[in-house]
Amino acid sequence: MKKIISVSTILMTLMSVNAQKIHSVDSDYKADINVYVVDSDYKADLLVYKVNSDYKAKDNNGKWFFTDSDYEADKKIFFVNSGYKADLKIFFVGSGYKAGWKNSSKKHLMY
């Protein structure tokens, strides 16, 4: 029984490590990451595609599902109004195949 619980715990942890369920908070002190939305894809660290179901956002590949509650989210973000205040610069894309990292050195922010 202990072995089953241990294996289940490890699997659940691994499954949630790469998840991209995001919640937008209203203050920077509540956020895990400060995010700035840039106006061109070449300025972004990450190209983000908003998916409509949480099961479609399982990897750290730029596909984000925005939750309604912070307790459902894997990461809480705050949208800042200047690029210099941001930990991560993103650009929203219109297709899932365009999503992905442009600056892989920032990938750790979303784990």
Protein backbone atom coordinates (compact mmCIF):
# COMPACT_ATOMS: atom_id res chain seq x y z
CA MET A 1 0.00 0.00 0.00
CA LYS A 2 2.82 2.43 0.86
CA LYS A 3 4.44 1.65 -2.48
CA ILE A 4 1.23 2.50 -4.36
CA ILE A 5 0.87 5.80 -2.50
CA SER A 6 4.52 6.67 -3.17
CA VAL A 7 4.24 5.89 -6.88
CA SER A 8 0.97 7.82 -7.13
CA THR A 9 2.51 10.85 -5.43
CA ILE A 10 5.51 10.81 -7.76
CA LEU A 11 3.32 10.49 -10.85
CA MET A 12 1.05 13.32 -9.77
CA THR A 13 4.06 15.53 -9.10
CA LEU A 14 5.58 14.78 -12.49
CA MET A 15 2.30 15.43 -14.25
CA SER A 16 1.87 18.83 -12.62
CA VAL A 17 5.46 19.98 -13.07
CA ASN A 18 5.04 20.84 -16.75
CA ALA A 19 1.42 21.91 -16.63
CA GLN A 20 0.53 25.33 -17.95
CA LYS A 21 -2.63 26.20 -16.08
CA ILE A 22 -2.37 29.93 -15.55
CA HIS A 23 -4.27 32.37 -13.38
CA SER A 24 -3.95 36.12 -13.82
CA VAL A 25 -3.81 37.92 -10.46
CA ASP A 26 -4.49 41.58 -9.72
CA SER A 27 -1.27 42.44 -7.83
CA ASP A 28 2.38 41.67 -8.42
CA TYR A 29 2.95 40.41 -4.87
CA LYS A 30 0.40 37.62 -5.49
CA ALA A 31 2.16 36.46 -8.65
CA ASP A 32 4.77 33.82 -9.25
CA ILE A 33 5.86 35.61 -12.42
CA ASN A 34 5.53 39.12 -13.84
CA VAL A 35 4.61 39.01 -17.53
CA TYR A 36 4.72 41.66 -20.22
CA VAL A 37 2.89 41.30 -23.54
CA VAL A 38 5.04 42.56 -26.39
CA ASP A 39 3.76 43.87 -29.71
CA SER A 40 5.83 41.60 -32.00
CA ASP A 41 6.78 37.95 -31.85
CA TYR A 42 10.51 38.64 -32.33
CA LYS A 43 10.57 40.59 -29.03
CA ALA A 44 9.08 37.71 -27.02
CA ASP A 45 10.70 35.09 -24.85
CA LEU A 46 7.66 32.86 -25.29
CA LEU A 47 4.96 32.64 -27.95
CA VAL A 48 1.70 31.79 -26.17
CA TYR A 49 -1.41 30.17 -27.54
CA LYS A 50 -4.51 30.19 -25.34
CA VAL A 51 -6.20 26.77 -25.32
CA ASN A 52 -9.82 26.18 -24.36
CA SER A 53 -9.32 23.08 -22.19
CA ASP A 54 -6.85 22.34 -19.41
CA TYR A 55 -5.93 18.92 -20.81
CA LYS A 56 -4.50 20.66 -23.92
CA ALA A 57 -1.99 22.55 -21.79
CA LYS A 58 0.17 19.80 -20.35
CA ASP A 59 3.70 20.71 -21.43
CA ASN A 60 5.94 23.71 -21.08
CA ASN A 61 5.45 24.59 -24.74
CA GLY A 62 3.56 27.88 -24.71
CA LYS A 63 0.04 26.49 -24.66
CA TRP A 64 -1.71 28.10 -21.71
CA PHE A 65 -5.08 27.47 -20.15
CA PHE A 66 -6.35 30.37 -18.05
CA THR A 67 -8.19 29.23 -14.93
CA ASP A 68 -10.86 31.16 -13.09
CA SER A 69 -9.41 30.38 -9.65
CA ASP A 70 -5.89 30.72 -8.35
CA TYR A 71 -6.05 27.39 -6.51
CA GLU A 72 -6.55 25.59 -9.85
CA ALA A 73 -3.51 27.22 -11.41
CA ASP A 74 0.02 25.92 -11.59
CA LYS A 75 1.37 29.43 -12.08
CA LYS A 76 -0.02 32.80 -11.08
CA ILE A 77 0.98 35.68 -13.31
CA PHE A 78 0.68 39.43 -13.15
CA PHE A 79 0.63 41.49 -16.33
CA VAL A 80 3.00 44.43 -15.91
CA ASN A 81 2.85 47.60 -17.99
CA SER A 82 6.57 47.84 -18.86
CA GLY A 83 9.03 45.35 -20.27
CA TYR A 84 11.75 46.13 -17.72
CA LYS A 85 9.44 45.03 -14.88
CA ALA A 86 8.80 41.64 -16.48
CA ASP A 87 10.34 38.28 -15.72
CA LEU A 88 8.92 36.95 -18.98
CA LYS A 89 7.94 38.65 -22.24
CA ILE A 90 5.19 36.94 -24.21
CA PHE A 91 3.37 37.37 -27.49
CA PHE A 92 -0.05 35.78 -28.09
CA VAL A 93 -0.25 33.78 -31.32
CA GLY A 94 -3.34 32.66 -33.20
CA SER A 95 -2.38 29.02 -33.79
CA GLY A 96 -1.16 26.26 -31.52
CA TYR A 97 1.66 25.22 -33.85
CA LYS A 98 3.23 28.69 -33.52
CA ALA A 99 3.46 28.46 -29.72
CA GLY A 100 6.83 27.82 -28.15
CA TRP A 101 9.96 29.17 -26.57
CA LYS A 102 12.12 31.70 -28.37
CA ASN A 103 14.40 32.23 -25.36
CA SER A 104 14.92 28.84 -23.75
CA SER A 105 17.00 30.33 -20.92
CA LYS A 106 13.69 31.51 -19.39
CA LYS A 107 12.03 28.08 -19.58
CA HIS A 108 12.64 27.47 -15.88
CA LEU A 109 10.16 30.23 -15.01
CA MET A 110 7.24 28.07 -16.10
CA TYR A 111 8.24 24.86 -14.31
